[in-house]
Amino acid sequence: MSEQHEESGAGVIKLPGTFSISSVEKIYELVNSAPATQRIKLDGADVEVMDAAALQLLLAAQKRQASHGGGVDWLEASDYMKQIVRMLSLQSQLPGLAD
Protein backbone atom coordinates (compact mmCIF):
# COMPACT_ATOMS: atom_id res chain seq x y z
CA MET A 1 0.00 0.00 0.00
CA SER A 2 1.43 3.33 -1.06
CA GLU A 3 1.21 6.26 1.32
CA GLN A 4 2.10 8.78 -1.35
CA HIS A 5 -0.23 11.69 -1.70
CA GLU A 6 0.84 13.91 -4.46
CA GLU A 7 -0.12 15.32 -7.77
CA SER A 8 0.77 12.82 -10.42
CA GLY A 9 0.40 13.05 -14.17
CA ALA A 10 -2.16 15.32 -15.83
CA GLY A 11 -3.05 17.11 -12.61
CA VAL A 12 -4.41 14.06 -10.79
CA ILE A 13 -4.31 14.26 -7.00
CA LYS A 14 -3.74 10.78 -5.60
CA LEU A 15 -5.16 10.28 -2.12
CA PRO A 16 -3.16 8.17 0.34
CA GLY A 17 -4.21 4.76 1.65
CA THR A 18 -4.59 6.21 5.12
CA PHE A 19 -6.38 9.45 4.36
CA SER A 20 -6.52 11.05 7.77
CA ILE A 21 -5.73 14.23 9.64
CA SER A 22 -2.01 13.53 9.26
CA SER A 23 -2.23 13.71 5.46
CA VAL A 24 -4.99 16.29 5.05
CA GLU A 25 -2.67 19.32 5.04
CA LYS A 26 -0.73 18.15 1.96
CA ILE A 27 -3.92 17.26 0.06
CA TYR A 28 -5.45 20.60 1.10
CA GLU A 29 -2.47 22.43 -0.40
CA LEU A 30 -2.76 20.51 -3.66
CA VAL A 31 -6.52 21.06 -3.93
CA ASN A 32 -6.29 24.76 -3.12
CA SER A 33 -3.45 25.32 -5.57
CA ALA A 34 -5.82 24.29 -8.38
CA PRO A 35 -7.87 27.12 -9.89
CA ALA A 36 -11.39 27.06 -8.41
CA THR A 37 -12.85 27.68 -11.87
CA GLN A 38 -11.47 24.40 -13.21
CA ARG A 39 -12.22 20.75 -12.57
CA ILE A 40 -9.81 18.88 -10.31
CA LYS A 41 -9.17 15.16 -10.63
CA LEU A 42 -8.98 12.98 -7.54
CA ASP A 43 -7.89 9.36 -7.33
CA GLY A 44 -9.02 7.56 -4.19
CA ALA A 45 -8.38 4.01 -5.38
CA ASP A 46 -5.91 3.29 -2.55
CA VAL A 47 -7.94 4.74 0.33
CA GLU A 48 -8.47 2.11 3.03
CA VAL A 49 -8.92 4.44 6.01
CA MET A 50 -10.59 7.85 6.02
CA ASP A 51 -11.36 9.99 9.06
CA ALA A 52 -13.62 12.99 9.61
CA ALA A 53 -10.88 15.49 8.71
CA ALA A 54 -10.40 13.85 5.31
CA LEU A 55 -14.12 13.74 4.67
CA GLN A 56 -14.43 17.40 5.62
CA LEU A 57 -11.67 18.28 3.15
CA LEU A 58 -13.48 16.44 0.35
CA LEU A 59 -16.73 18.24 1.13
CA ALA A 60 -14.99 21.63 1.26
CA ALA A 61 -13.16 20.98 -2.02
CA GLN A 62 -16.39 19.98 -3.75
CA LYS A 63 -18.15 23.10 -2.44
CA ARG A 64 -15.24 25.42 -3.36
CA GLN A 65 -14.96 24.13 -6.91
CA ALA A 66 -18.73 24.10 -7.53
CA SER A 67 -19.23 27.62 -6.21
CA HIS A 68 -16.67 29.00 -8.67
CA GLY A 69 -17.80 27.11 -11.75
CA GLY A 70 -15.28 24.27 -11.43
CA GLY A 71 -15.83 20.80 -10.12
CA VAL A 72 -14.35 17.55 -8.91
CA ASP A 73 -13.88 14.47 -11.08
CA TRP A 74 -13.27 11.11 -9.44
CA LEU A 75 -10.99 8.94 -11.53
CA GLU A 76 -11.33 6.10 -9.03
CA ALA A 77 -12.58 5.62 -5.50
CA SER A 78 -12.11 2.63 -3.25
CA ASP A 79 -15.08 0.55 -2.19
CA TYR A 80 -14.36 1.76 1.35
CA MET A 81 -14.80 5.42 0.34
CA LYS A 82 -18.00 4.66 -1.53
CA GLN A 83 -19.36 2.75 1.44
CA ILE A 84 -18.63 5.64 3.83
CA VAL A 85 -20.32 8.16 1.54
CA ARG A 86 -23.42 5.98 1.24
CA MET A 87 -23.49 5.21 4.98
CA LEU A 88 -23.41 8.93 5.81
CA SER A 89 -25.89 9.80 3.03
CA LEU A 90 -23.46 12.20 1.37
CA GLN A 91 -24.13 11.15 -2.22
CA SER A 92 -25.58 14.53 -3.20
CA GLN A 93 -22.68 16.45 -1.61
CA LEU A 94 -20.03 14.21 -3.16
CA PRO A 95 -21.40 13.29 -6.57
CA GLY A 96 -19.42 10.69 -8.43
CA LEU A 97 -17.98 9.18 -5.27
CA ALA A 98 -20.83 6.87 -4.36
CA ASP A 99 -21.55 5.50 -7.84
PDB file of N, CA and C in Angstrom:
ATOM      1  N   MET A   1       0.851  -1.182   0.000  1.00  0.00           N
ATOM      2  CA  MET A   1       0.000   0.000   0.000  1.00  0.00           C
ATOM      3  C   MET A   1       0.888   1.233   0.000  1.00  0.00           C
ATOM      4  N   SER A   2       0.649   2.105  -0.931  1.00  0.00           N
ATOM      5  CA  SER A   2       1.428   3.327  -1.056  1.00  0.00           C
ATOM      6  C   SER A   2       0.818   4.425  -0.198  1.00  0.00           C
ATOM      7  N   GLU A   3       1.663   5.138   0.512  1.00  0.00           N
ATOM      8  CA  GLU A   3       1.205   6.258   1.322  1.00  0.00           C
ATOM      9  C   GLU A   3       1.492   7.582   0.636  1.00  0.00           C
ATOM     10  N   GLN A   4       1.840   7.534  -0.643  1.00  0.00           N
ATOM     11  CA  GLN A   4       2.101   8.778  -1.351  1.00  0.00           C
ATOM     12  C   GLN A   4       0.808   9.535  -1.539  1.00  0.00           C
ATOM     13  N   HIS A   5       0.914  10.823  -1.429  1.00  0.00           N
ATOM     14  CA  HIS A   5      -0.227  11.687  -1.701  1.00  0.00           C
ATOM     15  C   HIS A   5       0.301  12.922  -2.391  1.00  0.00           C
ATOM     16  N   GLU A   6       0.274  12.823  -3.688  1.00  0.00           N
ATOM     17  CA  GLU A   6       0.840  13.910  -4.461  1.00  0.00           C
ATOM     18  C   GLU A   6       0.124  14.034  -5.786  1.00  0.00           C
ATOM     19  N   GLU A   7       0.437  15.113  -6.446  1.00  0.00           N
ATOM     20  CA  GLU A   7      -0.121  15.322  -7.773  1.00  0.00           C
ATOM     21  C   GLU A   7       0.710  14.497  -8.725  1.00  0.00           C
ATOM     22  N   SER A   8       0.045  13.679  -9.504  1.00  0.00           N
ATOM     23  CA  SER A   8       0.768  12.820 -10.424  1.00  0.00           C
ATOM     24  C   SER A   8       0.104  12.862 -11.788  1.00  0.00           C
ATOM     25  N   GLY A   9       0.867  13.070 -12.803  1.00  0.00           N
ATOM     26  CA  GLY A   9       0.398  13.051 -14.172  1.00  0.00           C
ATOM     27  C   GLY A   9      -0.927  13.735 -14.432  1.00  0.00           C
ATOM     28  N   ALA A  10      -0.955  14.639 -15.351  1.00  0.00           N
ATOM     29  CA  ALA A  10      -2.158  15.317 -15.832  1.00  0.00           C
ATOM     30  C   ALA A  10      -2.987  15.944 -14.723  1.00  0.00           C
ATOM     31  N   GLY A  11      -2.339  16.399 -13.662  1.00  0.00           N
ATOM     32  CA  GLY A  11      -3.054  17.106 -12.610  1.00  0.00           C
ATOM     33  C   GLY A  11      -3.914  16.245 -11.715  1.00  0.00           C
ATOM     34  N   VAL A  12      -3.642  14.959 -11.645  1.00  0.00           N
ATOM     35  CA  VAL A  12      -4.410  14.063 -10.791  1.00  0.00           C
ATOM     36  C   VAL A  12      -3.841  14.109  -9.374  1.00  0.00           C
ATOM     37  N   ILE A  13      -4.726  14.280  -8.398  1.00  0.00           N
ATOM     38  CA  ILE A  13      -4.308  14.260  -6.997  1.00  0.00           C
ATOM     39  C   ILE A  13      -4.642  12.884  -6.443  1.00  0.00           C
ATOM     40  N   LYS A  14      -3.595  12.144  -6.111  1.00  0.00           N
ATOM     41  CA  LYS A  14      -3.744  10.781  -5.596  1.00  0.00           C
ATOM     42  C   LYS A  14      -3.850  10.832  -4.081  1.00  0.00           C
ATOM     43  N   LEU A  15      -4.945  10.293  -3.565  1.00  0.00           N
ATOM     44  CA  LEU A  15      -5.156  10.279  -2.121  1.00  0.00           C
ATOM     45  C   LEU A  15      -4.437   9.085  -1.509  1.00  0.00           C
ATOM     46  N   PRO A  16      -3.915   9.249  -0.290  1.00  0.00           N
ATOM     47  CA  PRO A  16      -3.159   8.170   0.345  1.00  0.00           C
ATOM     48  C   PRO A  16      -4.062   7.059   0.875  1.00  0.00           C
ATOM     49  N   GLY A  17      -3.478   5.897   1.104  1.00  0.00           N
ATOM     50  CA  GLY A  17      -4.215   4.759   1.648  1.00  0.00           C
ATOM     51  C   GLY A  17      -4.824   5.057   2.995  1.00  0.00           C
ATOM     52  N   THR A  18      -4.072   5.739   3.832  1.00  0.00           N
ATOM     53  CA  THR A  18      -4.586   6.205   5.115  1.00  0.00           C
ATOM     54  C   THR A  18      -4.805   7.699   4.972  1.00  0.00           C
ATOM     55  N   PHE A  19      -6.023   8.058   4.611  1.00  0.00           N
ATOM     56  CA  PHE A  19      -6.380   9.449   4.359  1.00  0.00           C
ATOM     57  C   PHE A  19      -6.982   9.992   5.647  1.00  0.00           C
ATOM     58  N   SER A  20      -6.106  10.601   6.440  1.00  0.00           N
ATOM     59  CA  SER A  20      -6.519  11.049   7.766  1.00  0.00           C
ATOM     60  C   SER A  20      -5.925  12.419   8.056  1.00  0.00           C
ATOM     61  N   ILE A  21      -6.159  12.884   9.260  1.00  0.00           N
ATOM     62  CA  ILE A  21      -5.730  14.227   9.639  1.00  0.00           C
ATOM     63  C   ILE A  21      -4.237  14.442   9.388  1.00  0.00           C
ATOM     64  N   SER A  22      -3.446  13.384   9.471  1.00  0.00           N
ATOM     65  CA  SER A  22      -2.006  13.533   9.261  1.00  0.00           C
ATOM     66  C   SER A  22      -1.643  13.808   7.807  1.00  0.00           C
ATOM     67  N   SER A  23      -2.518  13.469   6.879  1.00  0.00           N
ATOM     68  CA  SER A  23      -2.229  13.706   5.464  1.00  0.00           C
ATOM     69  C   SER A  23      -3.096  14.803   4.848  1.00  0.00           C
ATOM     70  N   VAL A  24      -4.047  15.309   5.587  1.00  0.00           N
ATOM     71  CA  VAL A  24      -4.986  16.294   5.054  1.00  0.00           C
ATOM     72  C   VAL A  24      -4.296  17.582   4.622  1.00  0.00           C
ATOM     73  N   GLU A  25      -3.302  18.041   5.359  1.00  0.00           N
ATOM     74  CA  GLU A  25      -2.666  19.316   5.037  1.00  0.00           C
ATOM     75  C   GLU A  25      -2.055  19.306   3.632  1.00  0.00           C
ATOM     76  N   LYS A  26      -1.358  18.239   3.284  1.00  0.00           N
ATOM     77  CA  LYS A  26      -0.728  18.152   1.960  1.00  0.00           C
ATOM     78  C   LYS A  26      -1.790  18.116   0.858  1.00  0.00           C
ATOM     79  N   ILE A  27      -2.844  17.341   1.058  1.00  0.00           N
ATOM     80  CA  ILE A  27      -3.917  17.256   0.062  1.00  0.00           C
ATOM     81  C   ILE A  27      -4.628  18.603  -0.047  1.00  0.00           C
ATOM     82  N   TYR A  28      -4.826  19.269   1.082  1.00  0.00           N
ATOM     83  CA  TYR A  28      -5.446  20.596   1.100  1.00  0.00           C
ATOM     84  C   TYR A  28      -4.639  21.573   0.239  1.00  0.00           C
ATOM     85  N   GLU A  29      -3.328  21.542   0.389  1.00  0.00           N
ATOM     86  CA  GLU A  29      -2.465  22.434  -0.396  1.00  0.00           C
ATOM     87  C   GLU A  29      -2.598  22.150  -1.887  1.00  0.00           C
ATOM     88  N   LEU A  30      -2.634  20.877  -2.247  1.00  0.00           N
ATOM     89  CA  LEU A  30      -2.763  20.513  -3.658  1.00  0.00           C
ATOM     90  C   LEU A  30      -4.115  20.940  -4.225  1.00  0.00           C
ATOM     91  N   VAL A  31      -5.172  20.692  -3.480  1.00  0.00           N
ATOM     92  CA  VAL A  31      -6.518  21.059  -3.926  1.00  0.00           C
ATOM     93  C   VAL A  31      -6.635  22.571  -4.067  1.00  0.00           C
ATOM     94  N   ASN A  32      -6.156  23.302  -3.089  1.00  0.00           N
ATOM     95  CA  ASN A  32      -6.290  24.757  -3.119  1.00  0.00           C
ATOM     96  C   ASN A  32      -5.333  25.448  -4.078  1.00  0.00           C
ATOM     97  N   SER A  33      -4.336  24.727  -4.565  1.00  0.00           N
ATOM     98  CA  SER A  33      -3.453  25.323  -5.572  1.00  0.00           C
ATOM     99  C   SER A  33      -4.080  25.230  -6.967  1.00  0.00           C
ATOM    100  N   ALA A  34      -5.110  24.401  -7.104  1.00  0.00           N
ATOM    101  CA  ALA A  34      -5.824  24.294  -8.384  1.00  0.00           C
ATOM    102  C   ALA A  34      -6.789  25.468  -8.511  1.00  0.00           C
ATOM    103  N   PRO A  35      -6.909  26.029  -9.704  1.00  0.00           N
ATOM    104  CA  PRO A  35      -7.874  27.117  -9.893  1.00  0.00           C
ATOM    105  C   PRO A  35      -9.297  26.648  -9.581  1.00  0.00           C
ATOM    106  N   ALA A  36     -10.029  27.437  -8.822  1.00  0.00           N
ATOM    107  CA  ALA A  36     -11.387  27.064  -8.415  1.00  0.00           C
ATOM    108  C   ALA A  36     -12.356  27.033  -9.585  1.00  0.00           C
ATOM    109  N   THR A  37     -11.973  27.650 -10.691  1.00  0.00           N
ATOM    110  CA  THR A  37     -12.853  27.677 -11.867  1.00  0.00           C
ATOM    111  C   THR A  37     -12.670  26.450 -12.757  1.00  0.00           C
ATOM    112  N   GLN A  38     -11.725  25.593 -12.404  1.00  0.00           N
ATOM    113  CA  GLN A  38     -11.470  24.399 -13.206  1.00  0.00           C
ATOM    114  C   GLN A  38     -11.918  23.142 -12.469  1.00  0.00           C
ATOM    115  N   ARG A  39     -11.892  22.031 -13.167  1.00  0.00           N
ATOM    116  CA  ARG A  39     -12.216  20.748 -12.568  1.00  0.00           C
ATOM    117  C   ARG A  39     -10.918  20.130 -12.050  1.00  0.00           C
ATOM    118  N   ILE A  40     -10.966  19.590 -10.847  1.00  0.00           N
ATOM    119  CA  ILE A  40      -9.810  18.882 -10.310  1.00  0.00           C
ATOM    120  C   ILE A  40     -10.104  17.388 -10.367  1.00  0.00           C
ATOM    121  N   LYS A  41      -9.043  16.610 -10.513  1.00  0.00           N
ATOM    122  CA  LYS A  41      -9.170  15.161 -10.632  1.00  0.00           C
ATOM    123  C   LYS A  41      -8.592  14.505  -9.389  1.00  0.00           C
ATOM    124  N   LEU A  42      -9.416  13.684  -8.731  1.00  0.00           N
ATOM    125  CA  LEU A  42      -8.979  12.977  -7.536  1.00  0.00           C
ATOM    126  C   LEU A  42      -8.976  11.474  -7.782  1.00  0.00           C
ATOM    127  N   ASP A  43      -7.984  10.813  -7.244  1.00  0.00           N
ATOM    128  CA  ASP A  43      -7.886   9.359  -7.333  1.00  0.00           C
ATOM    129  C   ASP A  43      -7.838   8.806  -5.913  1.00  0.00           C
ATOM    130  N   GLY A  44      -8.921   8.145  -5.522  1.00  0.00           N
ATOM    131  CA  GLY A  44      -9.017   7.561  -4.185  1.00  0.00           C
ATOM    132  C   GLY A  44      -8.983   6.049  -4.196  1.00  0.00           C
ATOM    133  N   ALA A  45      -8.391   5.468  -5.228  1.00  0.00           N
ATOM    134  CA  ALA A  45      -8.375   4.008  -5.378  1.00  0.00           C
ATOM    135  C   ALA A  45      -7.684   3.305  -4.216  1.00  0.00           C
ATOM    136  N   ASP A  46      -6.686   3.943  -3.608  1.00  0.00           N
ATOM    137  CA  ASP A  46      -5.909   3.291  -2.549  1.00  0.00           C
ATOM    138  C   ASP A  46      -6.439   3.546  -1.145  1.00  0.00           C
ATOM    139  N   VAL A  47      -7.468   4.359  -1.002  1.00  0.00           N
ATOM    140  CA  VAL A  47      -7.938   4.741   0.331  1.00  0.00           C
ATOM    141  C   VAL A  47      -8.566   3.546   1.052  1.00  0.00           C
ATOM    142  N   GLU A  48      -7.975   3.205   2.185  1.00  0.00           N
ATOM    143  CA  GLU A  48      -8.467   2.112   3.028  1.00  0.00           C
ATOM    144  C   GLU A  48      -8.966   2.616   4.371  1.00  0.00           C
ATOM    145  N   VAL A  49      -8.525   3.803   4.749  1.00  0.00           N
ATOM    146  CA  VAL A  49      -8.920   4.435   6.005  1.00  0.00           C
ATOM    147  C   VAL A  49      -9.167   5.904   5.709  1.00  0.00           C
ATOM    148  N   MET A  50     -10.271   6.431   6.237  1.00  0.00           N
ATOM    149  CA  MET A  50     -10.590   7.846   6.025  1.00  0.00           C
ATOM    150  C   MET A  50     -11.272   8.356   7.284  1.00  0.00           C
ATOM    151  N   ASP A  51     -10.752   9.444   7.841  1.00  0.00           N
ATOM    152  CA  ASP A  51     -11.356   9.989   9.057  1.00  0.00           C
ATOM    153  C   ASP A  51     -12.195  11.228   8.738  1.00  0.00           C
ATOM    154  N   ALA A  52     -12.737  11.833   9.772  1.00  0.00           N
ATOM    155  CA  ALA A  52     -13.624  12.990   9.605  1.00  0.00           C
ATOM    156  C   ALA A  52     -12.904  14.174   8.977  1.00  0.00           C
ATOM    157  N   ALA A  53     -11.630  14.375   9.287  1.00  0.00           N
ATOM    158  CA  ALA A  53     -10.879  15.493   8.708  1.00  0.00           C
ATOM    159  C   ALA A  53     -10.749  15.323   7.192  1.00  0.00           C
ATOM    160  N   ALA A  54     -10.508  14.112   6.745  1.00  0.00           N
ATOM    161  CA  ALA A  54     -10.395  13.846   5.313  1.00  0.00           C
ATOM    162  C   ALA A  54     -11.738  14.051   4.618  1.00  0.00           C
ATOM    163  N   LEU A  55     -12.784  13.573   5.234  1.00  0.00           N
ATOM    164  CA  LEU A  55     -14.116  13.740   4.665  1.00  0.00           C
ATOM    165  C   LEU A  55     -14.496  15.216   4.586  1.00  0.00           C
ATOM    166  N   GLN A  56     -14.162  15.967   5.611  1.00  0.00           N
ATOM    167  CA  GLN A  56     -14.434  17.403   5.623  1.00  0.00           C
ATOM    168  C   GLN A  56     -13.677  18.104   4.489  1.00  0.00           C
ATOM    169  N   LEU A  57     -12.442  17.698   4.248  1.00  0.00           N
ATOM    170  CA  LEU A  57     -11.665  18.277   3.152  1.00  0.00           C
ATOM    171  C   LEU A  57     -12.338  17.996   1.808  1.00  0.00           C
ATOM    172  N   LEU A  58     -12.814  16.776   1.602  1.00  0.00           N
ATOM    173  CA  LEU A  58     -13.478  16.439   0.349  1.00  0.00           C
ATOM    174  C   LEU A  58     -14.743  17.265   0.148  1.00  0.00           C
ATOM    175  N   LEU A  59     -15.508  17.428   1.213  1.00  0.00           N
ATOM    176  CA  LEU A  59     -16.727  18.236   1.129  1.00  0.00           C
ATOM    177  C   LEU A  59     -16.407  19.698   0.833  1.00  0.00           C
ATOM    178  N   ALA A  60     -15.385  20.233   1.490  1.00  0.00           N
ATOM    179  CA  ALA A  60     -14.987  21.628   1.265  1.00  0.00           C
ATOM    180  C   ALA A  60     -14.461  21.829  -0.156  1.00  0.00           C
ATOM    181  N   ALA A  61     -13.695  20.872  -0.661  1.00  0.00           N
ATOM    182  CA  ALA A  61     -13.160  20.976  -2.021  1.00  0.00           C
ATOM    183  C   ALA A  61     -14.293  20.953  -3.040  1.00  0.00           C
ATOM    184  N   GLN A  62     -15.248  20.062  -2.837  1.00  0.00           N
ATOM    185  CA  GLN A  62     -16.391  19.982  -3.748  1.00  0.00           C
ATOM    186  C   GLN A  62     -17.163  21.301  -3.750  1.00  0.00           C
ATOM    187  N   LYS A  63     -17.395  21.847  -2.560  1.00  0.00           N
ATOM    188  CA  LYS A  63     -18.148  23.098  -2.437  1.00  0.00           C
ATOM    189  C   LYS A  63     -17.379  24.262  -3.075  1.00  0.00           C
ATOM    190  N   ARG A  64     -16.074  24.337  -2.814  1.00  0.00           N
ATOM    191  CA  ARG A  64     -15.242  25.415  -3.365  1.00  0.00           C
ATOM    192  C   ARG A  64     -15.270  25.390  -4.887  1.00  0.00           C
ATOM    193  N   GLN A  65     -15.018  24.234  -5.453  1.00  0.00           N
ATOM    194  CA  GLN A  65     -14.963  24.135  -6.908  1.00  0.00           C
ATOM    195  C   GLN A  65     -16.323  24.458  -7.525  1.00  0.00           C
ATOM    196  N   ALA A  66     -17.388  23.894  -6.980  1.00  0.00           N
ATOM    197  CA  ALA A  66     -18.732  24.103  -7.534  1.00  0.00           C
ATOM    198  C   ALA A  66     -19.159  25.561  -7.451  1.00  0.00           C
ATOM    199  N   SER A  67     -18.792  26.234  -6.380  1.00  0.00           N
ATOM    200  CA  SER A  67     -19.232  27.621  -6.206  1.00  0.00           C
ATOM    201  C   SER A  67     -18.506  28.597  -7.134  1.00  0.00           C
ATOM    202  N   HIS A  68     -17.429  28.150  -7.757  1.00  0.00           N
ATOM    203  CA  HIS A  68     -16.669  29.001  -8.669  1.00  0.00           C
ATOM    204  C   HIS A  68     -16.740  28.519 -10.110  1.00  0.00           C
ATOM    205  N   GLY A  69     -17.627  27.586 -10.385  1.00  0.00           N
ATOM    206  CA  GLY A  69     -17.795  27.105 -11.749  1.00  0.00           C
ATOM    207  C   GLY A  69     -16.913  25.933 -12.119  1.00  0.00           C
ATOM    208  N   GLY A  70     -16.133  25.440 -11.175  1.00  0.00           N
ATOM    209  CA  GLY A  70     -15.284  24.274 -11.430  1.00  0.00           C
ATOM    210  C   GLY A  70     -15.994  23.013 -10.980  1.00  0.00           C
ATOM    211  N   GLY A  71     -15.233  22.040 -10.592  1.00  0.00           N
ATOM    212  CA  GLY A  71     -15.827  20.801 -10.116  1.00  0.00           C
ATOM    213  C   GLY A  71     -14.768  19.803  -9.721  1.00  0.00           C
ATOM    214  N   VAL A  72     -15.229  18.631  -9.311  1.00  0.00           N
ATOM    215  CA  VAL A  72     -14.346  17.546  -8.912  1.00  0.00           C
ATOM    216  C   VAL A  72     -14.704  16.316  -9.739  1.00  0.00           C
ATOM    217  N   ASP A  73     -13.706  15.719 -10.342  1.00  0.00           N
ATOM    218  CA  ASP A  73     -13.877  14.467 -11.078  1.00  0.00           C
ATOM    219  C   ASP A  73     -13.162  13.362 -10.318  1.00  0.00           C
ATOM    220  N   TRP A  74     -13.865  12.270 -10.096  1.00  0.00           N
ATOM    221  CA  TRP A  74     -13.269  11.107  -9.435  1.00  0.00           C
ATOM    222  C   TRP A  74     -12.814  10.129 -10.496  1.00  0.00           C
ATOM    223  N   LEU A  75     -11.508   9.924 -10.586  1.00  0.00           N
ATOM    224  CA  LEU A  75     -10.993   8.939 -11.531  1.00  0.00           C
ATOM    225  C   LEU A  75     -11.282   7.541 -10.990  1.00  0.00           C
ATOM    226  N   GLU A  76     -11.035   7.364  -9.710  1.00  0.00           N
ATOM    227  CA  GLU A  76     -11.333   6.105  -9.029  1.00  0.00           C
ATOM    228  C   GLU A  76     -11.594   6.413  -7.561  1.00  0.00           C
ATOM    229  N   ALA A  77     -12.339   5.531  -6.945  1.00  0.00           N
ATOM    230  CA  ALA A  77     -12.576   5.618  -5.501  1.00  0.00           C
ATOM    231  C   ALA A  77     -12.661   4.193  -4.974  1.00  0.00           C
ATOM    232  N   SER A  78     -12.079   3.969  -3.828  1.00  0.00           N
ATOM    233  CA  SER A  78     -12.108   2.631  -3.255  1.00  0.00           C
ATOM    234  C   SER A  78     -13.526   2.274  -2.808  1.00  0.00           C
ATOM    235  N   ASP A  79     -13.781   0.999  -2.696  1.00  0.00           N
ATOM    236  CA  ASP A  79     -15.079   0.548  -2.191  1.00  0.00           C
ATOM    237  C   ASP A  79     -15.322   1.099  -0.791  1.00  0.00           C
ATOM    238  N   TYR A  80     -14.254   1.216  -0.010  1.00  0.00           N
ATOM    239  CA  TYR A  80     -14.361   1.761   1.345  1.00  0.00           C
ATOM    240  C   TYR A  80     -14.903   3.196   1.309  1.00  0.00           C
ATOM    241  N   MET A  81     -14.337   4.032   0.443  1.00  0.00           N
ATOM    242  CA  MET A  81     -14.796   5.421   0.340  1.00  0.00           C
ATOM    243  C   MET A  81     -16.265   5.470  -0.071  1.00  0.00           C
ATOM    244  N   LYS A  82     -16.622   4.680  -1.056  1.00  0.00           N
ATOM    245  CA  LYS A  82     -18.003   4.656  -1.534  1.00  0.00           C
ATOM    246  C   LYS A  82     -18.958   4.220  -0.427  1.00  0.00           C
ATOM    247  N   GLN A  83     -18.529   3.232   0.340  1.00  0.00           N
ATOM    248  CA  GLN A  83     -19.362   2.746   1.444  1.00  0.00           C
ATOM    249  C   GLN A  83     -19.574   3.831   2.499  1.00  0.00           C
ATOM    250  N   ILE A  84     -18.532   4.563   2.845  1.00  0.00           N
ATOM    251  CA  ILE A  84     -18.630   5.638   3.835  1.00  0.00           C
ATOM    252  C   ILE A  84     -19.590   6.724   3.340  1.00  0.00           C
ATOM    253  N   VAL A  85     -19.459   7.109   2.097  1.00  0.00           N
ATOM    254  CA  VAL A  85     -20.325   8.156   1.540  1.00  0.00           C
ATOM    255  C   VAL A  85     -21.790   7.721   1.570  1.00  0.00           C
ATOM    256  N   ARG A  86     -22.040   6.478   1.205  1.00  0.00           N
ATOM    257  CA  ARG A  86     -23.425   5.978   1.244  1.00  0.00           C
ATOM    258  C   ARG A  86     -23.929   5.871   2.682  1.00  0.00           C
ATOM    259  N   MET A  87     -23.095   5.383   3.586  1.00  0.00           N
ATOM    260  CA  MET A  87     -23.487   5.208   4.977  1.00  0.00           C
ATOM    261  C   MET A  87     -23.859   6.546   5.623  1.00  0.00           C
ATOM    262  N   LEU A  88     -23.154   7.605   5.247  1.00  0.00           N
ATOM    263  CA  LEU A  88     -23.405   8.929   5.812  1.00  0.00           C
ATOM    264  C   LEU A  88     -24.377   9.754   4.963  1.00  0.00           C
ATOM    265  N   SER A  89     -24.926   9.143   3.931  1.00  0.00           N
ATOM    266  CA  SER A  89     -25.887   9.798   3.025  1.00  0.00           C
ATOM    267  C   SER A  89     -25.339  11.101   2.440  1.00  0.00           C
ATOM    268  N   LEU A  90     -24.111  11.021   1.943  1.00  0.00           N
ATOM    269  CA  LEU A  90     -23.458  12.202   1.374  1.00  0.00           C
ATOM    270  C   LEU A  90     -23.365  12.142  -0.150  1.00  0.00           C
ATOM    271  N   GLN A  91     -24.184  11.304  -0.770  1.00  0.00           N
ATOM    272  CA  GLN A  91     -24.128  11.146  -2.215  1.00  0.00           C
ATOM    273  C   GLN A  91     -24.353  12.457  -2.953  1.00  0.00           C
ATOM    274  N   SER A  92     -25.296  13.273  -2.496  1.00  0.00           N
ATOM    275  CA  SER A  92     -25.576  14.528  -3.205  1.00  0.00           C
ATOM    276  C   SER A  92     -24.463  15.564  -2.989  1.00  0.00           C
ATOM    277  N   GLN A  93     -23.768  15.500  -1.857  1.00  0.00           N
ATOM    278  CA  GLN A  93     -22.676  16.454  -1.608  1.00  0.00           C
ATOM    279  C   GLN A  93     -21.375  16.020  -2.277  1.00  0.00           C
ATOM    280  N   LEU A  94     -21.231  14.727  -2.517  1.00  0.00           N
ATOM    281  CA  LEU A  94     -20.027  14.208  -3.157  1.00  0.00           C
ATOM    282  C   LEU A  94     -20.388  13.376  -4.387  1.00  0.00           C
ATOM    283  N   PRO A  95     -20.972  14.026  -5.392  1.00  0.00           N
ATOM    284  CA  PRO A  95     -21.401  13.288  -6.572  1.00  0.00           C
ATOM    285  C   PRO A  95     -20.213  12.608  -7.256  1.00  0.00           C
ATOM    286  N   GLY A  96     -20.473  11.432  -7.753  1.00  0.00           N
ATOM    287  CA  GLY A  96     -19.422  10.686  -8.426  1.00  0.00           C
ATOM    288  C   GLY A  96     -18.637   9.787  -7.505  1.00  0.00           C
ATOM    289  N   LEU A  97     -18.748   9.994  -6.224  1.00  0.00           N
ATOM    290  CA  LEU A  97     -17.981   9.183  -5.275  1.00  0.00           C
ATOM    291  C   LEU A  97     -18.740   7.957  -4.824  1.00  0.00           C
ATOM    292  N   ALA A  98     -20.035   7.999  -4.871  1.00  0.00           N
ATOM    293  CA  ALA A  98     -20.826   6.867  -4.362  1.00  0.00           C
ATOM    294  C   ALA A  98     -21.425   6.027  -5.471  1.00  0.00           C
ATOM    295  N   ASP A  99     -20.997   6.268  -6.708  1.00  0.00           N
ATOM    296  CA  ASP A  99     -21.551   5.503  -7.838  1.00  0.00           C
ATOM    297  C   ASP A  99     -21.082   4.070  -7.816  1.00  0.00           C
TER     298      ASP A  99
END
